[in-house]
């Protein structure tokens, strides 16, 4: 009788486990992805006198790390997105930018060498400043005024806590369409190419 009871409990436990996996869409696997030429309000053209875009909309492109997809601006007040891009400005779904708990730490290093996400220290957008400051040398990029070209600063890795408290790491590769090795100011700008690793199981393991 005891043996039968143990077998029944084991079967019920397995069935519950299977149902739980089905309800959540299966086992969550890490995602390693490269996103190419994600538009960040690129505008309709470039002013040749200063290299600045013209015809921009002022809207952020919202992105979800788990699905590797763009989220509609109509969902900006939800937890469906983690990070947003508009020109050189980057926002996170938290603070004044959204209802989530996203945040960022800028860490010097090599993307593949960072294998664990911190659990504290993440900055969020607030009324006085964004989590990543805008300006040459202040956050993720440097600007060459003579060439009128912006370049991601080598070795700047973004450690991200997502809107729903998962973790990711990302490296921005280019700010220009199709990620040219040697961009000029006449190449369409405000197109982010970046690679990232997303850990969807809730742990801090980033490998």
N, C-alpha and C. Protein backbone atom coordinates (compact mmCIF):
# COMPACT_ATOMS: atom_id res chain seq x y z
N UNK A 1 0.84 -1.21 0.00
CA UNK A 1 0.00 0.00 0.00
C UNK A 1 0.87 1.26 0.00
N UNK A 2 1.93 1.24 0.86
CA UNK A 2 2.83 2.39 0.91
C UNK A 2 3.54 2.59 -0.42
N UNK A 3 3.92 1.43 -1.04
CA UNK A 3 4.61 1.51 -2.33
C UNK A 3 3.70 2.13 -3.38
N UNK A 4 2.43 1.72 -3.38
CA UNK A 4 1.47 2.27 -4.33
C UNK A 4 1.28 3.77 -4.12
N UNK A 5 1.25 4.18 -2.84
CA UNK A 5 1.08 5.60 -2.51
C UNK A 5 2.26 6.42 -3.01
N UNK A 6 3.47 5.88 -2.82
CA UNK A 6 4.68 6.58 -3.27
C UNK A 6 4.68 6.74 -4.78
N UNK A 7 4.29 5.68 -5.49
CA UNK A 7 4.23 5.73 -6.96
C UNK A 7 3.21 6.76 -7.41
N UNK A 8 2.06 6.80 -6.75
CA UNK A 8 1.01 7.76 -7.11
C UNK A 8 1.49 9.19 -6.90
N UNK A 9 2.19 9.41 -5.77
CA UNK A 9 2.70 10.75 -5.49
C UNK A 9 3.73 11.16 -6.52
N UNK A 10 4.58 10.21 -6.93
CA UNK A 10 5.61 10.50 -7.94
C UNK A 10 4.97 10.86 -9.27
N UNK A 11 3.96 10.10 -9.67
CA UNK A 11 3.27 10.37 -10.93
C UNK A 11 2.60 11.74 -10.89
N UNK A 12 1.93 12.04 -9.78
CA UNK A 12 1.27 13.35 -9.66
C UNK A 12 2.27 14.49 -9.71
N UNK A 13 3.44 14.27 -9.08
CA UNK A 13 4.47 15.30 -9.09
C UNK A 13 4.98 15.55 -10.49
N UNK A 14 5.20 14.46 -11.25
CA UNK A 14 5.67 14.60 -12.62
C UNK A 14 4.63 15.28 -13.49
N UNK A 15 3.37 14.91 -13.30
CA UNK A 15 2.31 15.54 -14.09
C UNK A 15 2.23 17.02 -13.79
N UNK A 16 2.37 17.39 -12.52
CA UNK A 16 2.34 18.81 -12.15
C UNK A 16 3.50 19.55 -12.79
N UNK A 17 4.67 18.90 -12.77
CA UNK A 17 5.85 19.52 -13.37
C UNK A 17 5.65 19.74 -14.85
N UNK A 18 5.11 18.73 -15.55
CA UNK A 18 4.87 18.86 -16.99
C UNK A 18 3.87 19.96 -17.28
N UNK A 19 2.81 20.02 -16.47
CA UNK A 19 1.79 21.05 -16.68
C UNK A 19 2.38 22.43 -16.47
N UNK A 20 3.22 22.55 -15.47
CA UNK A 20 3.83 23.84 -15.18
C UNK A 20 4.69 24.29 -16.35
N UNK A 21 5.44 23.35 -16.95
CA UNK A 21 6.28 23.70 -18.09
C UNK A 21 5.42 24.11 -19.27
N UNK A 22 4.31 23.40 -19.48
CA UNK A 22 3.43 23.75 -20.59
C UNK A 22 2.86 25.14 -20.41
N UNK A 23 2.43 25.46 -19.18
CA UNK A 23 1.80 26.74 -18.92
C UNK A 23 2.76 27.90 -19.12
N UNK A 24 4.04 27.69 -18.86
CA UNK A 24 5.02 28.77 -18.97
C UNK A 24 5.77 28.75 -20.29
N UNK A 25 5.36 27.86 -21.18
CA UNK A 25 5.98 27.85 -22.51
C UNK A 25 7.23 27.00 -22.59
N UNK A 26 7.45 26.08 -21.61
CA UNK A 26 8.61 25.21 -21.68
C UNK A 26 9.78 25.74 -20.89
N UNK A 27 10.84 24.94 -20.88
CA UNK A 27 12.04 25.32 -20.16
C UNK A 27 12.66 26.57 -20.76
N UNK A 28 13.05 27.51 -19.90
CA UNK A 28 13.64 28.76 -20.36
C UNK A 28 15.11 28.55 -20.65
N UNK A 29 15.54 28.85 -21.85
CA UNK A 29 16.94 28.71 -22.23
C UNK A 29 17.57 30.09 -22.42
N UNK A 30 18.86 30.23 -22.12
CA UNK A 30 19.53 31.52 -22.36
C UNK A 30 19.50 31.88 -23.84
N UNK A 31 19.59 33.16 -24.12
CA UNK A 31 19.58 33.65 -25.50
C UNK A 31 20.86 34.43 -25.76
N UNK A 32 21.58 34.05 -26.80
CA UNK A 32 22.74 34.81 -27.27
C UNK A 32 22.38 35.31 -28.65
N UNK A 33 22.35 36.61 -28.84
CA UNK A 33 21.79 37.18 -30.06
C UNK A 33 22.57 38.41 -30.50
N UNK A 34 22.63 38.62 -31.81
CA UNK A 34 23.15 39.86 -32.36
C UNK A 34 22.03 40.56 -33.11
N UNK A 35 21.76 41.79 -32.76
CA UNK A 35 20.73 42.60 -33.40
C UNK A 35 21.43 43.59 -34.32
N UNK A 36 21.00 43.64 -35.57
CA UNK A 36 21.66 44.48 -36.56
C UNK A 36 20.74 45.61 -37.02
N UNK A 37 21.26 46.82 -36.99
CA UNK A 37 20.58 48.00 -37.53
C UNK A 37 19.19 48.22 -36.93
N UNK A 38 19.09 48.15 -35.62
CA UNK A 38 17.83 48.47 -34.96
C UNK A 38 17.60 49.97 -35.04
N UNK A 39 16.55 50.43 -35.71
CA UNK A 39 16.34 51.88 -35.86
C UNK A 39 16.06 52.56 -34.53
N UNK A 40 16.70 53.71 -34.33
CA UNK A 40 16.52 54.47 -33.09
C UNK A 40 16.11 55.89 -33.45
N UNK A 41 14.93 56.02 -34.08
CA UNK A 41 14.43 57.30 -34.57
C UNK A 41 15.42 57.93 -35.55
N UNK A 42 15.70 57.23 -36.66
CA UNK A 42 16.75 57.68 -37.58
C UNK A 42 16.43 58.93 -38.39
N UNK A 43 15.16 59.27 -38.52
CA UNK A 43 14.82 60.45 -39.31
C UNK A 43 14.78 60.15 -40.80
N UNK A 44 14.69 61.22 -41.57
CA UNK A 44 14.53 61.07 -43.02
C UNK A 44 15.77 61.49 -43.79
N UNK A 45 16.75 62.07 -43.11
CA UNK A 45 17.95 62.51 -43.82
C UNK A 45 18.98 63.06 -42.85
N UNK A 46 20.06 63.62 -43.44
CA UNK A 46 21.18 64.15 -42.64
C UNK A 46 21.49 65.57 -43.09
N UNK A 47 21.70 66.46 -42.13
CA UNK A 47 22.12 67.83 -42.42
C UNK A 47 23.63 67.80 -42.70
N UNK A 48 24.04 68.07 -43.95
CA UNK A 48 25.47 67.96 -44.30
C UNK A 48 26.36 68.97 -43.59
N UNK A 49 25.77 70.01 -43.03
CA UNK A 49 26.58 71.03 -42.37
C UNK A 49 27.06 70.60 -40.98
N UNK A 50 26.29 69.70 -40.34
CA UNK A 50 26.68 69.29 -38.99
C UNK A 50 26.55 67.79 -38.73
N UNK A 51 26.08 67.06 -39.74
CA UNK A 51 25.96 65.61 -39.59
C UNK A 51 24.79 65.16 -38.75
N UNK A 52 23.90 66.08 -38.37
CA UNK A 52 22.77 65.74 -37.51
C UNK A 52 21.58 65.27 -38.35
N UNK A 53 20.79 64.33 -37.81
CA UNK A 53 19.63 63.83 -38.55
C UNK A 53 18.52 64.88 -38.62
N UNK A 54 17.72 64.79 -39.65
CA UNK A 54 16.55 65.64 -39.79
C UNK A 54 15.32 64.75 -39.98
N UNK A 55 14.16 65.27 -39.62
CA UNK A 55 12.93 64.51 -39.80
C UNK A 55 12.71 63.41 -38.79
N UNK A 56 13.22 63.58 -37.57
CA UNK A 56 13.03 62.56 -36.54
C UNK A 56 11.64 62.69 -35.90
N UNK A 57 11.21 61.63 -35.21
CA UNK A 57 9.86 61.61 -34.62
C UNK A 57 9.86 61.89 -33.12
N UNK A 58 11.00 61.71 -32.46
CA UNK A 58 11.05 61.88 -31.01
C UNK A 58 10.59 60.67 -30.23
N UNK A 59 10.34 59.55 -30.91
CA UNK A 59 9.87 58.35 -30.23
C UNK A 59 11.00 57.34 -30.04
N UNK A 60 10.94 56.63 -28.92
CA UNK A 60 11.91 55.58 -28.64
C UNK A 60 11.51 54.27 -29.34
N UNK A 61 12.51 53.50 -29.74
CA UNK A 61 12.29 52.14 -30.19
C UNK A 61 12.47 51.24 -28.97
N UNK A 62 11.41 50.53 -28.60
CA UNK A 62 11.41 49.70 -27.39
C UNK A 62 11.75 48.26 -27.75
N UNK A 63 12.56 47.62 -26.91
CA UNK A 63 13.07 46.28 -27.24
C UNK A 63 12.94 45.35 -26.04
N UNK A 64 12.62 44.08 -26.35
CA UNK A 64 12.49 43.05 -25.33
C UNK A 64 13.60 42.02 -25.51
N UNK A 65 14.41 41.80 -24.47
CA UNK A 65 15.53 40.87 -24.59
C UNK A 65 15.08 39.42 -24.73
N UNK A 66 14.03 39.03 -24.02
CA UNK A 66 13.59 37.63 -24.03
C UNK A 66 13.10 37.18 -25.40
N UNK A 67 12.42 38.08 -26.10
CA UNK A 67 11.86 37.73 -27.41
C UNK A 67 12.69 38.26 -28.57
N UNK A 68 13.68 39.10 -28.27
CA UNK A 68 14.54 39.72 -29.30
C UNK A 68 13.70 40.45 -30.34
N UNK A 69 12.68 41.16 -29.87
CA UNK A 69 11.77 41.85 -30.77
C UNK A 69 11.51 43.28 -30.31
N UNK A 70 11.08 44.10 -31.26
CA UNK A 70 10.66 45.47 -30.97
C UNK A 70 9.25 45.45 -30.41
N UNK A 71 9.01 46.26 -29.40
CA UNK A 71 7.70 46.35 -28.76
C UNK A 71 7.04 47.66 -29.18
N UNK A 72 5.76 47.61 -29.48
CA UNK A 72 5.03 48.80 -29.93
C UNK A 72 5.04 49.89 -28.87
N UNK A 73 5.10 51.14 -29.31
CA UNK A 73 5.09 52.26 -28.38
C UNK A 73 3.80 52.33 -27.57
N UNK A 74 2.74 51.74 -28.10
CA UNK A 74 1.48 51.71 -27.36
C UNK A 74 1.58 50.85 -26.10
N UNK A 75 2.63 50.02 -26.02
CA UNK A 75 2.85 49.19 -24.83
C UNK A 75 3.93 49.76 -23.92
N UNK A 76 4.21 51.05 -24.06
CA UNK A 76 5.29 51.67 -23.27
C UNK A 76 4.99 51.68 -21.77
N UNK A 77 3.71 51.63 -21.41
CA UNK A 77 3.33 51.66 -19.99
C UNK A 77 3.15 50.25 -19.42
N UNK A 78 3.77 49.25 -20.07
CA UNK A 78 3.69 47.87 -19.60
C UNK A 78 5.10 47.33 -19.35
N UNK A 79 5.15 46.09 -18.88
CA UNK A 79 6.43 45.41 -18.66
C UNK A 79 6.89 44.63 -19.88
N UNK A 80 6.31 44.89 -21.03
CA UNK A 80 6.65 44.12 -22.23
C UNK A 80 8.00 44.49 -22.83
N UNK A 81 8.58 45.61 -22.42
CA UNK A 81 9.86 46.02 -22.98
C UNK A 81 10.88 46.22 -21.86
N UNK A 82 12.15 46.15 -22.23
CA UNK A 82 13.23 46.30 -21.25
C UNK A 82 14.07 47.55 -21.47
N UNK A 83 14.36 47.86 -22.73
CA UNK A 83 15.29 48.92 -23.08
C UNK A 83 14.75 49.69 -24.28
N UNK A 84 15.04 50.98 -24.35
CA UNK A 84 14.57 51.79 -25.47
C UNK A 84 15.69 52.64 -26.04
N UNK A 85 15.63 52.90 -27.36
CA UNK A 85 16.67 53.64 -28.06
C UNK A 85 16.07 54.81 -28.84
N UNK A 86 16.69 55.97 -28.71
CA UNK A 86 16.31 57.14 -29.51
C UNK A 86 17.56 57.99 -29.68
N UNK A 87 18.11 57.99 -30.90
CA UNK A 87 19.38 58.67 -31.09
C UNK A 87 20.42 58.05 -30.18
N UNK A 88 21.18 58.88 -29.47
CA UNK A 88 22.19 58.35 -28.55
C UNK A 88 21.61 58.03 -27.18
N UNK A 89 20.37 58.41 -26.94
CA UNK A 89 19.75 58.18 -25.63
C UNK A 89 19.23 56.75 -25.50
N UNK A 90 19.49 56.16 -24.35
CA UNK A 90 19.00 54.82 -24.04
C UNK A 90 18.22 54.90 -22.73
N UNK A 91 17.02 54.34 -22.73
CA UNK A 91 16.21 54.32 -21.52
C UNK A 91 15.94 52.88 -21.09
N UNK A 92 15.51 52.73 -19.86
CA UNK A 92 15.19 51.41 -19.32
C UNK A 92 13.81 51.46 -18.68
N UNK A 93 13.14 50.33 -18.70
CA UNK A 93 11.77 50.25 -18.20
C UNK A 93 11.75 50.29 -16.67
N UNK A 94 11.84 51.50 -16.16
CA UNK A 94 11.82 51.73 -14.72
C UNK A 94 11.78 53.23 -14.47
N UNK A 95 11.66 53.62 -13.22
CA UNK A 95 11.71 55.03 -12.86
C UNK A 95 10.72 55.87 -13.65
N UNK A 96 11.22 56.96 -14.25
CA UNK A 96 10.34 57.84 -15.01
C UNK A 96 10.03 57.30 -16.40
N UNK A 97 10.71 56.22 -16.80
CA UNK A 97 10.56 55.73 -18.17
C UNK A 97 9.55 54.60 -18.32
N UNK A 98 9.23 53.91 -17.24
CA UNK A 98 8.28 52.81 -17.34
C UNK A 98 7.99 52.18 -16.00
N UNK A 99 7.02 51.25 -15.96
CA UNK A 99 6.56 50.67 -14.70
C UNK A 99 7.40 49.49 -14.21
N UNK A 100 8.37 49.04 -15.01
CA UNK A 100 9.15 47.87 -14.65
C UNK A 100 10.25 48.16 -13.65
N UNK A 101 11.13 47.16 -13.46
CA UNK A 101 12.23 47.30 -12.51
C UNK A 101 13.58 47.18 -13.21
N UNK A 102 13.64 47.57 -14.47
CA UNK A 102 14.89 47.47 -15.22
C UNK A 102 15.93 48.45 -14.70
N UNK A 103 17.18 48.14 -14.97
CA UNK A 103 18.27 49.02 -14.57
C UNK A 103 19.54 48.61 -15.28
N UNK A 104 20.59 49.39 -15.12
CA UNK A 104 21.83 49.12 -15.85
C UNK A 104 23.05 49.47 -15.02
N UNK A 105 24.11 48.72 -15.26
CA UNK A 105 25.44 49.02 -14.75
C UNK A 105 26.37 49.03 -15.95
N UNK A 106 27.16 50.09 -16.12
CA UNK A 106 28.18 50.10 -17.16
C UNK A 106 29.46 49.57 -16.56
N UNK A 107 29.95 48.48 -17.14
CA UNK A 107 31.15 47.84 -16.61
C UNK A 107 32.22 47.76 -17.68
N UNK A 108 33.44 48.09 -17.32
CA UNK A 108 34.56 47.93 -18.25
C UNK A 108 34.95 46.46 -18.32
N UNK A 109 35.18 45.98 -19.54
CA UNK A 109 35.58 44.59 -19.67
C UNK A 109 35.30 44.04 -21.05
N UNK A 110 35.32 42.72 -21.16
CA UNK A 110 35.04 42.00 -22.40
C UNK A 110 33.75 41.22 -22.19
N UNK A 111 32.85 41.31 -23.13
CA UNK A 111 31.52 40.71 -22.97
C UNK A 111 31.59 39.25 -22.55
N UNK A 112 32.37 38.45 -23.25
CA UNK A 112 32.42 37.01 -22.98
C UNK A 112 33.07 36.68 -21.64
N UNK A 113 33.85 37.61 -21.11
CA UNK A 113 34.53 37.35 -19.83
C UNK A 113 33.63 37.61 -18.63
N UNK A 114 32.54 38.32 -18.84
CA UNK A 114 31.61 38.62 -17.73
C UNK A 114 30.60 37.49 -17.64
N UNK A 115 30.68 36.69 -16.59
CA UNK A 115 29.87 35.48 -16.50
C UNK A 115 28.81 35.52 -15.40
N UNK A 116 28.83 36.57 -14.60
CA UNK A 116 27.84 36.68 -13.51
C UNK A 116 27.33 38.11 -13.41
N UNK A 117 26.03 38.25 -13.28
CA UNK A 117 25.44 39.58 -13.13
C UNK A 117 25.38 39.97 -11.66
N UNK A 118 25.69 41.21 -11.33
CA UNK A 118 25.51 41.67 -9.95
C UNK A 118 24.02 41.67 -9.60
N UNK A 119 23.71 41.62 -8.33
CA UNK A 119 22.31 41.69 -7.91
C UNK A 119 21.94 43.07 -7.39
N UNK A 120 22.94 43.92 -7.18
CA UNK A 120 22.69 45.28 -6.70
C UNK A 120 23.50 46.27 -7.52
N UNK A 121 23.18 47.55 -7.36
CA UNK A 121 23.97 48.59 -8.01
C UNK A 121 23.42 49.08 -9.33
N UNK A 122 22.25 48.61 -9.72
CA UNK A 122 21.68 49.01 -11.01
C UNK A 122 21.08 50.41 -10.93
N UNK A 123 21.40 51.22 -11.93
CA UNK A 123 20.86 52.58 -11.99
C UNK A 123 19.58 52.60 -12.80
N UNK A 124 18.67 53.50 -12.44
CA UNK A 124 17.41 53.65 -13.15
C UNK A 124 17.23 55.09 -13.60
N UNK A 125 16.40 55.27 -14.63
CA UNK A 125 16.11 56.61 -15.12
C UNK A 125 15.35 57.40 -14.05
N UNK A 126 15.74 58.65 -13.86
CA UNK A 126 15.03 59.48 -12.89
C UNK A 126 14.77 60.86 -13.47
N UNK A 127 14.19 61.72 -12.69
CA UNK A 127 13.75 63.03 -13.19
C UNK A 127 14.90 63.93 -13.59
N UNK A 128 16.08 63.69 -13.06
CA UNK A 128 17.22 64.57 -13.36
C UNK A 128 18.18 64.01 -14.39
N UNK A 129 18.20 62.69 -14.54
CA UNK A 129 19.12 62.10 -15.52
C UNK A 129 18.72 60.68 -15.87
N UNK A 130 19.16 60.26 -17.05
CA UNK A 130 18.95 58.87 -17.45
C UNK A 130 19.99 58.00 -16.76
N UNK A 131 19.70 56.71 -16.68
CA UNK A 131 20.63 55.78 -16.05
C UNK A 131 21.98 55.78 -16.78
N UNK A 132 21.94 55.92 -18.11
CA UNK A 132 23.16 56.09 -18.90
C UNK A 132 23.19 57.54 -19.37
N UNK A 133 24.11 58.35 -18.88
CA UNK A 133 24.16 59.76 -19.27
C UNK A 133 24.38 59.93 -20.77
N UNK A 134 23.76 60.95 -21.33
CA UNK A 134 23.94 61.27 -22.75
C UNK A 134 25.10 62.25 -22.88
N UNK A 135 25.98 62.00 -23.83
CA UNK A 135 27.11 62.89 -24.06
C UNK A 135 28.38 62.11 -24.33
N UNK A 136 29.24 62.66 -25.14
CA UNK A 136 30.48 62.00 -25.51
C UNK A 136 31.34 61.73 -24.28
N UNK A 137 31.75 60.47 -24.13
CA UNK A 137 32.59 60.09 -23.01
C UNK A 137 31.89 59.90 -21.69
N UNK A 138 30.58 60.12 -21.65
CA UNK A 138 29.84 60.02 -20.39
C UNK A 138 29.19 58.66 -20.19
N UNK A 139 28.93 57.96 -21.28
CA UNK A 139 28.23 56.69 -21.18
C UNK A 139 28.83 55.62 -22.06
N UNK A 140 28.17 55.36 -23.18
CA UNK A 140 28.57 54.23 -24.03
C UNK A 140 29.34 54.63 -25.28
N UNK A 141 29.48 55.94 -25.57
CA UNK A 141 30.09 56.34 -26.84
C UNK A 141 31.01 57.54 -26.69
N UNK A 142 31.81 57.76 -27.74
CA UNK A 142 32.61 58.98 -27.88
C UNK A 142 32.31 59.56 -29.25
N UNK A 143 32.42 60.88 -29.36
CA UNK A 143 32.07 61.57 -30.61
C UNK A 143 33.30 62.30 -31.14
N UNK A 144 33.59 62.05 -32.42
CA UNK A 144 34.69 62.72 -33.11
C UNK A 144 34.11 63.93 -33.82
N UNK A 145 34.29 65.11 -33.26
CA UNK A 145 33.70 66.32 -33.82
C UNK A 145 34.25 66.69 -35.18
N UNK A 146 35.51 66.38 -35.43
CA UNK A 146 36.11 66.72 -36.71
C UNK A 146 35.54 65.87 -37.83
N UNK A 147 35.41 64.57 -37.57
CA UNK A 147 34.85 63.66 -38.58
C UNK A 147 33.33 63.62 -38.52
N UNK A 148 32.76 64.16 -37.43
CA UNK A 148 31.31 64.11 -37.18
C UNK A 148 30.80 62.67 -37.17
N UNK A 149 31.55 61.83 -36.47
CA UNK A 149 31.23 60.40 -36.39
C UNK A 149 31.22 59.98 -34.92
N UNK A 150 30.24 59.16 -34.57
CA UNK A 150 30.11 58.63 -33.22
C UNK A 150 30.57 57.18 -33.20
N UNK A 151 31.32 56.81 -32.18
CA UNK A 151 31.81 55.44 -32.06
C UNK A 151 31.53 54.90 -30.65
N UNK A 152 31.05 53.66 -30.56
CA UNK A 152 30.92 53.04 -29.24
C UNK A 152 32.28 52.97 -28.57
N UNK A 153 32.34 53.27 -27.29
CA UNK A 153 33.60 53.21 -26.56
C UNK A 153 33.96 51.75 -26.30
N UNK A 154 35.13 51.35 -26.74
CA UNK A 154 35.56 49.96 -26.59
C UNK A 154 35.60 49.55 -25.12
N UNK A 155 35.12 48.35 -24.85
CA UNK A 155 35.18 47.81 -23.50
C UNK A 155 34.08 48.25 -22.56
N UNK A 156 33.08 48.99 -23.08
CA UNK A 156 31.96 49.40 -22.24
C UNK A 156 30.83 48.37 -22.39
N UNK A 157 30.62 47.59 -21.36
CA UNK A 157 29.60 46.55 -21.37
C UNK A 157 28.42 46.99 -20.50
N UNK A 158 27.22 46.81 -21.02
CA UNK A 158 26.01 47.14 -20.27
C UNK A 158 25.47 45.89 -19.59
N UNK A 159 25.45 45.90 -18.28
CA UNK A 159 24.82 44.83 -17.51
C UNK A 159 23.41 45.29 -17.18
N UNK A 160 22.44 44.51 -17.60
CA UNK A 160 21.05 44.96 -17.54
C UNK A 160 20.21 44.05 -16.65
N UNK A 161 19.45 44.65 -15.77
CA UNK A 161 18.36 43.96 -15.11
C UNK A 161 17.11 44.31 -15.88
N UNK A 162 16.36 43.33 -16.30
CA UNK A 162 15.22 43.58 -17.17
C UNK A 162 14.01 44.06 -16.37
N UNK A 163 12.96 44.38 -17.10
CA UNK A 163 11.75 44.90 -16.46
C UNK A 163 11.16 43.92 -15.46
N UNK A 164 11.34 42.61 -15.73
CA UNK A 164 10.79 41.59 -14.84
C UNK A 164 11.87 40.86 -14.03
N UNK A 165 12.98 41.58 -13.78
CA UNK A 165 14.02 41.10 -12.87
C UNK A 165 14.80 39.89 -13.37
N UNK A 166 14.99 39.79 -14.68
CA UNK A 166 15.95 38.84 -15.23
C UNK A 166 17.24 39.61 -15.52
N UNK A 167 18.26 38.93 -16.05
CA UNK A 167 19.54 39.59 -16.26
C UNK A 167 20.07 39.37 -17.68
N UNK A 168 20.79 40.38 -18.16
CA UNK A 168 21.38 40.32 -19.50
C UNK A 168 22.66 41.14 -19.51
N UNK A 169 23.48 40.88 -20.51
CA UNK A 169 24.67 41.71 -20.75
C UNK A 169 24.69 42.05 -22.23
N UNK A 170 25.15 43.25 -22.58
CA UNK A 170 25.14 43.64 -23.99
C UNK A 170 26.31 44.54 -24.32
N UNK A 171 26.71 44.49 -25.58
CA UNK A 171 27.79 45.33 -26.09
C UNK A 171 27.32 46.01 -27.36
N UNK A 172 27.39 47.32 -27.40
CA UNK A 172 27.00 48.07 -28.60
C UNK A 172 28.17 48.06 -29.58
N UNK A 173 27.89 47.65 -30.80
CA UNK A 173 28.93 47.49 -31.82
C UNK A 173 28.98 48.67 -32.77
N UNK A 174 27.81 49.19 -33.15
CA UNK A 174 27.78 50.28 -34.13
C UNK A 174 26.53 51.12 -33.95
N UNK A 175 26.63 52.38 -34.40
CA UNK A 175 25.53 53.34 -34.36
C UNK A 175 25.04 53.67 -35.77
N UNK A 176 25.62 52.99 -36.77
CA UNK A 176 25.33 53.30 -38.17
C UNK A 176 24.72 52.10 -38.89
N UNK A 177 23.88 52.41 -39.87
CA UNK A 177 23.15 51.37 -40.59
C UNK A 177 24.11 50.38 -41.23
N UNK A 178 23.83 49.11 -41.03
CA UNK A 178 24.62 47.99 -41.55
C UNK A 178 25.99 47.87 -40.89
N UNK A 179 26.22 48.62 -39.82
CA UNK A 179 27.44 48.50 -39.01
C UNK A 179 28.73 48.53 -39.82
N UNK A 180 28.99 49.62 -40.58
CA UNK A 180 30.23 49.70 -41.36
C UNK A 180 31.45 49.78 -40.45
N UNK A 181 32.55 49.21 -40.91
CA UNK A 181 33.78 49.23 -40.10
C UNK A 181 34.33 50.64 -39.95
N UNK A 182 34.17 51.46 -40.99
CA UNK A 182 34.68 52.83 -40.97
C UNK A 182 33.57 53.79 -41.40
N UNK A 183 32.67 54.12 -40.49
CA UNK A 183 31.53 54.98 -40.84
C UNK A 183 31.94 56.41 -41.13
N UNK A 184 31.15 57.07 -41.97
CA UNK A 184 31.29 58.51 -42.20
C UNK A 184 29.97 59.16 -41.81
N UNK A 185 29.97 60.49 -41.70
CA UNK A 185 28.76 61.17 -41.25
C UNK A 185 27.63 61.10 -42.27
N UNK A 186 27.94 60.73 -43.51
CA UNK A 186 26.90 60.62 -44.52
C UNK A 186 26.19 59.26 -44.52
N UNK A 187 26.72 58.32 -43.76
CA UNK A 187 26.04 57.03 -43.62
C UNK A 187 24.90 57.19 -42.62
N UNK A 188 23.72 56.65 -42.92
CA UNK A 188 22.59 56.81 -42.00
C UNK A 188 22.94 56.37 -40.58
N UNK A 189 22.70 57.28 -39.63
CA UNK A 189 22.99 57.00 -38.22
C UNK A 189 21.71 56.68 -37.47
N UNK A 190 21.86 56.44 -36.18
CA UNK A 190 20.75 56.06 -35.30
C UNK A 190 20.22 54.67 -35.62
N UNK A 191 21.13 53.78 -35.95
CA UNK A 191 20.81 52.36 -36.16
C UNK A 191 21.76 51.55 -35.28
N UNK A 192 21.21 50.95 -34.23
CA UNK A 192 22.05 50.23 -33.28
C UNK A 192 22.29 48.79 -33.71
N UNK A 193 23.55 48.40 -33.73
CA UNK A 193 23.92 47.00 -33.84
C UNK A 193 24.57 46.62 -32.51
N UNK A 194 24.05 45.58 -31.89
CA UNK A 194 24.59 45.15 -30.61
C UNK A 194 24.43 43.64 -30.44
N UNK A 195 25.27 43.10 -29.61
CA UNK A 195 25.12 41.69 -29.26
C UNK A 195 24.84 41.58 -27.77
N UNK A 196 24.08 40.56 -27.41
CA UNK A 196 23.73 40.42 -26.01
C UNK A 196 23.53 38.97 -25.62
N UNK A 197 23.56 38.73 -24.33
CA UNK A 197 23.26 37.43 -23.74
C UNK A 197 22.19 37.66 -22.69
N UNK A 198 21.11 36.90 -22.77
CA UNK A 198 19.99 37.05 -21.85
C UNK A 198 19.78 35.75 -21.08
N UNK A 199 19.71 35.86 -19.77
CA UNK A 199 19.45 34.70 -18.92
C UNK A 199 18.00 34.75 -18.45
N UNK A 200 17.19 33.85 -18.96
CA UNK A 200 15.76 33.91 -18.69
C UNK A 200 15.28 33.09 -17.51
N UNK A 201 16.20 32.36 -16.84
CA UNK A 201 15.74 31.50 -15.74
C UNK A 201 15.72 32.20 -14.39
N UNK A 202 16.07 33.50 -14.38
CA UNK A 202 16.05 34.25 -13.14
C UNK A 202 17.36 34.24 -12.38
N UNK A 203 18.32 33.43 -12.83
CA UNK A 203 19.62 33.39 -12.16
C UNK A 203 20.51 34.51 -12.67
N UNK A 204 21.67 34.65 -12.05
CA UNK A 204 22.63 35.69 -12.45
C UNK A 204 23.72 35.15 -13.36
N UNK A 205 23.57 33.92 -13.82
CA UNK A 205 24.58 33.29 -14.67
C UNK A 205 24.49 33.87 -16.08
N UNK A 206 25.60 34.41 -16.57
CA UNK A 206 25.61 35.04 -17.90
C UNK A 206 26.60 34.33 -18.82
N UNK A 207 26.43 33.03 -18.96
CA UNK A 207 27.29 32.26 -19.86
C UNK A 207 26.56 31.01 -20.31
